Protein backbone atom coordinates (compact mmCIF):
# COMPACT_ATOMS: atom_id res chain seq x y z
CA MET A 1 0.00 0.00 0.00
CA ASN A 2 1.52 3.36 -1.01
CA THR A 3 1.56 6.51 1.14
CA LYS A 4 -1.57 8.08 -0.35
CA GLU A 5 -3.56 4.86 -0.13
CA LEU A 6 -2.64 4.35 3.52
CA ILE A 7 -3.46 7.96 4.45
CA ASP A 8 -6.80 7.78 2.63
CA LEU A 9 -7.61 4.51 4.43
CA GLU A 10 -6.67 6.03 7.80
CA LYS A 11 -9.09 8.90 7.22
CA SER A 12 -11.91 6.45 6.56
CA VAL A 13 -11.40 3.99 9.43
CA LEU A 14 -9.76 5.83 12.36
CA LEU A 15 -11.32 8.42 14.64
CA GLN A 16 -9.89 11.73 13.47
CA THR A 17 -8.34 13.04 16.69
CA TYR A 18 -4.86 13.70 15.28
CA SER A 19 -3.55 16.07 12.62
CA ARG A 20 -0.71 14.14 11.02
CA PRO A 21 1.82 15.13 8.31
CA ASP A 22 1.50 13.45 4.92
CA PHE A 23 4.10 10.72 5.26
CA VAL A 24 4.06 7.25 6.83
CA ILE A 25 6.73 6.24 9.35
CA ASP A 26 8.12 2.80 8.52
CA HIS A 27 11.10 2.14 10.78
CA GLY A 28 13.75 3.74 12.96
CA GLN A 29 17.41 3.41 13.82
CA GLY A 30 19.29 5.35 16.46
CA CYS A 31 17.93 8.91 16.51
CA TYR A 32 16.47 8.67 13.00
CA LEU A 33 13.08 7.67 11.65
CA TYR A 34 12.45 6.62 8.05
CA ASP A 35 9.22 6.89 6.10
CA SER A 36 7.79 4.35 3.68
CA GLU A 37 9.42 6.14 0.74
CA GLY A 38 12.90 6.03 2.27
CA ASN A 39 13.16 9.61 3.53
CA ALA A 40 15.14 10.08 6.76
CA TYR A 41 14.08 12.32 9.65
CA LEU A 42 16.19 13.32 12.64
CA ASP A 43 13.73 12.62 15.44
CA PHE A 44 13.58 15.29 18.15
CA VAL A 45 10.14 14.13 19.31
CA ALA A 46 11.18 10.65 20.48
CA GLY A 47 7.57 9.49 20.72
CA ILE A 48 6.91 12.55 22.95
CA ALA A 49 9.77 11.75 25.33
CA VAL A 50 9.15 7.99 25.17
CA ASN A 51 12.03 6.61 23.09
CA ALA A 52 14.83 7.51 25.48
CA LEU A 53 17.18 4.97 23.90
CA GLY A 54 16.20 5.81 20.34
CA TYR A 55 15.33 3.06 17.88
CA GLY A 56 16.76 -0.42 17.40
CA ASP A 57 18.54 -0.75 20.75
CA SER A 58 19.89 -4.30 20.68
CA ASP A 59 19.53 -4.88 24.42
CA LEU A 60 15.85 -3.93 24.38
CA ILE A 61 15.22 -6.15 21.39
CA ALA A 62 16.95 -9.08 23.10
CA ALA A 63 14.97 -8.59 26.33
CA LEU A 64 11.71 -8.42 24.38
CA ALA A 65 12.45 -11.55 22.36
CA GLN A 66 13.60 -13.53 25.38
CA GLN A 67 10.50 -12.72 27.44
CA ALA A 68 8.12 -13.09 24.48
CA ALA A 69 9.29 -16.67 24.12
CA LYS A 70 8.44 -17.35 27.78
CA LEU A 71 5.32 -15.43 28.83
CA TRP A 72 3.41 -12.41 27.52
CA HIS A 73 0.55 -12.17 29.99
CA CYS A 74 -0.98 -14.07 32.87
CA SER A 75 -2.82 -11.39 34.92
CA ASN A 76 -1.98 -9.70 38.20
CA LEU A 77 -3.85 -12.50 39.96
CA PHE A 78 -0.48 -14.28 39.95
CA TYR A 79 3.15 -13.46 40.77
CA THR A 80 5.57 -12.85 37.90
CA GLU A 81 9.27 -12.23 38.38
CA PRO A 82 9.81 -9.30 35.95
CA GLN A 83 7.25 -7.13 37.75
CA VAL A 84 8.73 -7.73 41.20
CA LEU A 85 12.31 -7.17 40.03
CA LEU A 86 11.40 -3.93 38.26
CA ALA A 87 9.60 -2.64 41.36
CA ARG A 88 12.61 -3.49 43.51
CA ARG A 89 14.90 -1.55 41.17
CA LEU A 90 12.66 1.53 41.23
CA VAL A 91 12.55 1.39 45.03
CA GLU A 92 16.35 1.13 45.15
CA LEU A 93 16.80 4.14 42.89
CA THR A 94 14.20 6.50 44.35
CA PHE A 95 12.46 7.78 47.48
CA ALA A 96 9.73 5.14 47.08
CA ASP A 97 8.89 2.20 49.31
CA ARG A 98 6.14 0.77 47.07
CA VAL A 99 5.19 0.74 43.38
CA PHE A 100 1.96 0.16 41.49
CA PHE A 101 2.17 -0.46 37.73
CA SER A 102 -0.38 0.78 35.22
CA ASN A 103 -0.49 0.83 31.43
CA THR A 104 -0.19 4.56 30.81
CA GLY A 105 0.59 7.90 32.37
CA THR A 106 -3.02 9.01 32.58
CA GLU A 107 -3.88 5.76 34.40
CA ALA A 108 -1.03 6.39 36.81
CA VAL A 109 -2.49 9.83 37.55
CA GLU A 110 -5.95 8.31 38.02
CA GLY A 111 -4.57 5.78 40.49
CA ALA A 112 -2.62 8.46 42.33
CA ILE A 113 -5.78 10.56 42.70
CA LYS A 114 -7.60 7.59 44.23
CA ILE A 115 -4.72 6.84 46.58
CA ALA A 116 -4.38 10.49 47.64
CA ARG A 117 -8.09 10.77 48.39
CA LYS A 118 -8.11 7.59 50.42
CA TRP A 119 -5.09 8.83 52.34
CA GLY A 120 -6.96 12.09 53.00
CA HIS A 121 -10.01 10.22 54.29
CA HIS A 122 -7.88 8.14 56.66
CA HIS A 123 -5.60 10.88 57.94
CA LYS A 124 -7.65 14.08 57.76
CA GLY A 125 -11.30 13.01 57.63
CA GLU A 126 -13.97 12.24 55.03
CA SER A 127 -14.08 15.85 53.80
CA ALA A 128 -10.37 15.93 52.88
CA TRP A 129 -10.68 14.94 49.24
CA GLU A 130 -9.68 18.07 47.34
CA ILE A 131 -6.51 18.25 45.25
CA VAL A 132 -4.82 21.50 44.28
CA ALA A 133 -3.27 21.53 40.80
CA PHE A 134 -1.90 24.39 38.67
CA ASP A 135 -2.77 26.51 35.69
CA HIS A 136 -1.27 25.42 32.35
CA SER A 137 -0.75 21.90 33.70
CA PHE A 138 -1.49 18.69 31.80
CA HIS A 139 -2.11 15.36 33.51
CA GLY A 140 -3.93 13.21 30.94
CA ARG A 141 -7.09 12.60 28.94
CA THR A 142 -9.22 10.41 31.21
CA TYR A 143 -11.75 12.11 33.45
CA GLY A 144 -9.82 12.33 36.70
CA SER A 145 -6.57 13.42 35.05
CA LEU A 146 -8.45 15.74 32.70
CA SER A 147 -10.27 17.33 35.62
CA ALA A 148 -6.87 17.97 37.24
CA THR A 149 -5.54 19.62 34.08
CA GLY A 150 -5.29 23.40 34.22
CA GLN A 151 -5.96 24.05 30.54
CA PRO A 152 -9.65 24.61 29.64
CA LYS A 153 -9.02 23.89 25.94
CA PHE A 154 -8.59 20.19 26.73
CA GLN A 155 -11.84 20.13 28.73
CA GLN A 156 -14.05 22.00 26.26
CA ASP A 157 -17.25 20.11 25.37
CA PHE A 158 -16.42 17.25 27.76
CA GLY A 159 -17.99 18.69 30.91
CA PRO A 160 -18.88 18.49 33.59
CA MET A 161 -15.45 17.81 35.01
CA LEU A 162 -15.09 15.79 38.19
CA PRO A 163 -15.37 17.86 41.38
CA GLY A 164 -12.65 18.27 43.97
CA PHE A 165 -9.93 20.09 42.05
CA ARG A 166 -8.74 23.61 42.76
CA PHE A 167 -6.14 25.51 40.74
CA ALA A 168 -3.28 27.76 41.80
CA ARG A 169 -0.91 29.80 39.65
CA PHE A 170 2.31 28.01 38.75
CA ASN A 171 5.39 29.41 40.48
CA ASP A 172 3.20 31.54 42.78
CA ILE A 173 3.32 30.26 46.36
CA ALA A 174 0.84 32.87 47.58
CA SER A 175 -1.70 31.57 45.09
CA LEU A 176 -1.17 27.99 46.30
CA ARG A 177 -1.56 29.09 49.91
CA GLU A 178 -4.91 30.71 49.02
CA GLN A 179 -6.21 27.53 47.40
CA MET A 180 -5.27 25.11 50.19
CA THR A 181 -7.96 24.44 52.81
CA SER A 182 -8.71 21.89 55.50
CA GLN A 183 -10.23 19.77 52.69
CA THR A 184 -6.96 19.57 50.76
CA CYS A 185 -5.45 16.09 50.68
CA ALA A 186 -2.75 16.65 48.05
CA VAL A 187 -0.96 19.10 45.81
CA LEU A 188 -0.39 17.85 42.24
CA ILE A 189 2.39 19.46 40.21
CA GLU A 190 4.70 18.87 37.25
CA PRO A 191 8.29 19.92 38.10
CA ILE A 192 8.49 20.97 34.46
CA GLN A 193 5.22 21.61 32.64
CA GLY A 194 5.32 19.77 29.32
CA GLU A 195 2.14 20.43 27.34
CA GLY A 196 1.92 23.79 29.11
CA GLY A 197 4.97 25.12 27.28
CA ILE A 198 8.11 23.71 28.98
CA TYR A 199 8.00 25.89 32.07
CA SER A 200 10.15 24.83 35.04
CA ALA A 201 9.14 25.24 38.65
CA ASP A 202 11.53 27.60 40.41
CA ARG A 203 13.73 26.03 43.08
CA GLU A 204 12.46 28.37 45.78
CA PHE A 205 8.87 27.74 44.72
CA MET A 206 9.21 23.95 44.88
CA SER A 207 10.86 24.16 48.28
CA SER A 208 7.95 26.30 49.49
CA VAL A 209 5.40 23.87 48.00
CA TYR A 210 7.06 21.05 49.90
CA GLU A 211 7.06 23.04 53.14
CA LEU A 212 3.43 24.08 52.68
CA CYS A 213 2.40 20.45 52.21
CA GLN A 214 4.27 19.51 55.39
CA GLN A 215 2.64 22.33 57.35
CA ASN A 216 -0.86 21.47 56.12
CA HIS A 217 -0.46 17.68 56.41
CA CYS A 218 -1.03 17.17 52.68
CA LEU A 219 0.59 14.85 50.17
CA LEU A 220 3.01 16.17 47.57
CA LEU A 221 2.13 14.39 44.33
CA LEU A 222 4.53 14.91 41.42
CA ASP A 223 3.71 14.23 37.79
CA GLU A 224 7.03 13.26 36.20
CA ILE A 225 5.52 11.41 33.27
CA GLN A 226 7.35 13.58 30.74
CA CYS A 227 10.16 15.15 32.78
CA GLY A 228 11.21 12.12 34.83
CA LEU A 229 13.45 9.13 34.14
CA SER A 230 16.65 11.04 33.31
CA ARG A 231 15.13 13.38 30.70
CA THR A 232 16.05 16.52 32.65
CA GLY A 233 19.49 15.50 33.88
CA SER A 234 18.67 13.58 37.05
CA PHE A 235 17.01 10.19 37.37
CA LEU A 236 13.84 11.79 38.73
CA ALA A 237 13.24 15.46 38.05
CA HIS A 238 12.52 16.40 41.67
CA GLU A 239 16.07 15.48 42.70
CA TYR A 240 17.07 18.88 41.27
CA TYR A 241 15.04 20.56 44.02
CA GLY A 242 16.28 18.51 46.96
CA ILE A 243 12.75 17.63 48.11
CA ARG A 244 11.11 14.33 49.03
CA PRO A 245 7.64 13.78 47.54
CA ASP A 246 5.00 11.36 48.79
CA ILE A 247 3.88 10.11 45.37
CA VAL A 248 5.47 10.32 41.90
CA VAL A 249 3.80 9.13 38.69
CA LEU A 250 5.91 7.90 35.78
CA ALA A 251 5.30 6.49 32.31
CA LYS A 252 6.53 7.50 28.82
CA PRO A 253 10.12 6.09 28.58
CA LEU A 254 9.68 3.50 31.32
CA ALA A 255 9.42 0.47 29.00
CA GLY A 256 11.20 1.89 25.96
CA GLY A 257 8.03 2.39 23.91
CA LEU A 258 5.88 -0.41 25.31
CA PRO A 259 2.91 0.80 27.41
CA LEU A 260 3.81 1.01 31.09
CA GLY A 261 3.15 3.53 33.84
CA ALA A 262 4.03 3.52 37.51
CA ILE A 263 2.91 5.10 40.78
CA LEU A 264 5.78 5.42 43.25
CA MET A 265 4.86 6.09 46.87
CA ASN A 266 6.22 6.06 50.40
CA GLU A 267 5.11 3.55 53.03
CA ASP A 268 2.80 6.00 54.82
CA VAL A 269 0.79 6.43 51.62
CA ALA A 270 0.91 2.75 50.70
CA GLN A 271 -0.54 1.65 54.04
CA VAL A 272 -3.99 3.06 53.28
CA MET A 273 -4.45 0.78 50.26
CA GLN A 274 -5.78 -2.74 50.73
CA VAL A 275 -6.49 -5.78 48.58
CA GLY A 276 -9.20 -4.93 46.04
CA ASN A 277 -8.84 -1.14 46.29
CA HIS A 278 -7.25 -0.78 42.86
CA GLY A 279 -6.29 -2.98 39.94
CA THR A 280 -5.32 -3.36 36.29
CA THR A 281 -5.58 -6.13 33.74
CA PHE A 282 -2.47 -5.34 31.70
CA GLY A 283 -0.38 -3.02 33.89
CA GLY A 284 2.95 -4.47 34.97
CA GLY A 285 2.82 -7.45 32.64
CA PRO A 286 5.92 -9.63 32.22
CA LEU A 287 6.73 -8.44 28.69
CA THR A 288 6.75 -4.72 29.46
CA CYS A 289 8.46 -5.15 32.82
CA SER A 290 11.26 -7.23 31.30
CA VAL A 291 12.01 -4.52 28.78
CA ALA A 292 11.66 -1.81 31.43
CA GLN A 293 14.34 -3.45 33.57
CA VAL A 294 16.81 -2.96 30.73
CA VAL A 295 15.68 0.63 30.16
CA ILE A 296 16.08 1.50 33.84
CA ASP A 297 19.46 -0.19 34.03
CA LYS A 298 20.74 1.93 31.14
CA ILE A 299 19.24 5.33 31.88
CA SER A 300 20.08 5.26 35.61
CA ARG A 301 23.83 4.92 35.09
CA PRO A 302 25.74 8.02 36.25
CA ALA A 303 27.62 8.27 32.96
CA PHE A 304 24.35 8.16 31.01
CA ILE A 305 22.78 10.91 33.13
CA ALA A 306 25.96 12.99 32.79
CA HIS A 307 25.63 12.61 29.00
CA VAL A 308 22.04 13.90 29.16
CA ARG A 309 23.18 16.94 31.15
CA GLU A 310 26.04 17.61 28.75
CA MET A 311 23.92 17.27 25.60
CA GLY A 312 21.09 19.26 27.16
CA TYR A 313 23.41 22.13 28.01
CA TYR A 314 24.89 22.03 24.51
CA LEU A 315 21.45 22.05 22.85
CA LEU A 316 20.32 24.93 25.06
CA GLN A 317 23.46 26.93 24.20
CA GLN A 318 23.03 26.38 20.48
CA LEU A 319 19.39 27.44 20.57
CA GLN A 320 20.25 30.53 22.61
CA GLU A 321 22.97 31.44 20.13
CA LEU A 322 20.45 31.04 17.29
CA GLN A 323 18.02 33.24 19.21
CA SER A 324 20.63 36.00 19.31
CA ARG A 325 20.76 35.92 15.49
CA ASN A 326 17.07 35.53 14.63
CA SER A 327 14.33 37.65 16.19
CA ALA A 328 11.68 35.12 15.15
CA LEU A 329 13.01 32.85 17.93
CA THR A 330 11.68 34.73 20.95
CA ALA A 331 12.47 32.46 23.94
CA VAL A 332 14.45 29.35 24.86
CA ARG A 333 13.96 27.46 28.13
CA GLY A 334 14.11 24.01 29.69
CA ARG A 335 16.42 21.60 31.46
CA GLY A 336 18.33 18.58 30.24
CA LEU A 337 16.91 17.29 26.96
CA MET A 338 13.47 18.81 27.53
CA ILE A 339 13.64 22.21 25.86
CA GLY A 340 10.96 24.54 24.57
CA VAL A 341 11.37 27.44 22.15
CA ASP A 342 8.87 30.18 21.41
CA VAL A 343 8.59 31.33 17.82
CA ALA A 344 6.91 34.39 16.34
CA ILE A 345 5.61 32.20 13.51
CA GLU A 346 2.68 29.82 13.31
CA THR A 347 3.98 26.59 14.84
CA LYS A 348 2.21 24.47 12.23
CA THR A 349 4.16 26.27 9.53
CA MET A 350 7.43 25.76 11.39
CA LEU A 351 6.77 22.07 11.96
CA LYS A 352 6.09 21.56 8.26
CA ALA A 353 9.23 23.47 7.28
CA CYS A 354 11.34 21.36 9.64
CA GLN A 355 9.74 18.12 8.44
CA SER A 356 10.41 18.94 4.80
CA ARG A 357 14.09 19.43 5.68
CA GLY A 358 14.32 16.21 7.74
CA LEU A 359 13.73 17.25 11.37
CA LEU A 360 10.79 16.19 13.54
CA LEU A 361 9.62 18.44 16.40
CA CYS A 362 6.31 18.77 18.23
CA ARG A 363 4.32 21.58 19.80
CA ALA A 364 3.76 22.55 23.44
CA GLY A 365 1.23 25.35 23.35
CA GLU A 366 0.30 27.92 20.73
CA GLN A 367 3.77 29.41 20.16
CA THR A 368 6.10 26.78 21.61
CA LEU A 369 8.01 23.99 19.89
CA ARG A 370 9.50 21.12 21.89
CA PHE A 371 12.95 19.62 21.47
CA LEU A 372 12.75 16.10 22.98
CA PRO A 373 15.45 14.00 21.31
CA PRO A 374 16.32 10.48 22.39
CA LEU A 375 18.62 10.67 25.40
CA VAL A 376 21.36 8.95 23.38
CA VAL A 377 21.56 11.92 20.98
CA THR A 378 25.07 13.03 19.98
CA ARG A 379 26.64 16.46 19.58
CA GLN A 380 26.77 15.90 15.80
CA GLU A 381 23.04 15.14 15.70
CA ILE A 382 22.30 18.27 17.73
CA ASP A 383 24.40 20.30 15.29
CA ARG A 384 22.40 18.86 12.40
CA ALA A 385 19.10 19.62 14.15
CA ILE A 386 20.15 23.24 14.77
CA GLU A 387 21.24 23.59 11.15
CA ILE A 388 17.84 22.37 9.90
CA PHE A 389 15.90 24.41 12.46
CA ALA A 390 17.82 27.57 11.55
CA SER A 391 17.11 27.01 7.87
CA ALA A 392 13.40 26.45 8.54
CA LEU A 393 13.25 29.49 10.82
CA SER A 394 14.90 31.70 8.23
CA ALA A 395 12.65 30.44 5.44
CA THR A 396 9.40 30.82 7.36
CA SER A 397 10.40 34.25 8.67
CA SER A 398 10.87 35.48 5.10
CA GLY A 399 7.81 33.66 3.76
CA ARG A 400 9.85 31.19 1.68
CA ALA A 401 8.86 27.99 3.53
């Protein structure tokens, strides 16, 4: 089936909830993707921060094949070794005492909301079920996570939203203080807002959020689905702030592209949950957990994380230097290999111009483009990405795209 035939078929059989470019991805290798007609694209989307190790990693392929030959699925009604070993490794590497596995990030947020509310009921009373989130946040597409999302555009026409969520201004501790009441059981925050435009929480702000939660006997619930797992230069993003959360939700790169999410929690939180309180059919299956063990082993190595920091700093520098030469690039921000740039051009036009030159980026808001390369990206690949981006920026600025 050629490109046009496949695209025409997609438009007739799939729900049209995505606006896709007019090529068909066929395979990948390293930091490159290739379409069905043989065109190569330097991938700075990485499956929206999922493909941390790029494409074709031999260790992931070997782990997948080995486990696929043994056992794909048997349900959480039974013990399986890969799940237990992966949980142990996450506990060893983080603040957590316990882990619950889900399929996706939005399911991890849903589970965390349930756990936080039950903790509130047990420790503060039946009325302590409210969660304070932040403006411009994004936590997922299912009803609980959507209700906790501070962007009305995602909620439009899907109301009513679930009750029990209040919203404070990001990086404004006075606003958070105003929103917290005796009914607050948790504060939900992204250390770096992804869909909201790649905005980082200030160090002083995050320290104050932590202290405010301690003072008000509330849980600190961090959404690190996009910014966690070494993407921002530390294994978990909150390590940068020197704080200790009660719950962290993870997903995206956890199983190298296979669907897997996780809720990490301390023992105090875990103790309120009992048999039958929560569950999942597919979450934490042996196939995904086997692959995830390899992912975690690789991305948690100090040398690997140092590489992410080095490449992230280099990418940030190159984008800032480009900004100094082109007024159409109005802002550059981020940490590690999670960087956003604001452009004074329609982002759809910029994306198309980059794609036609062999670079894939994605949006994060109306005027922001995201740079989310695989964490194995090299200096040479960053140089190539900057070269393409500069060309696209120049062409679109002058109307030649």
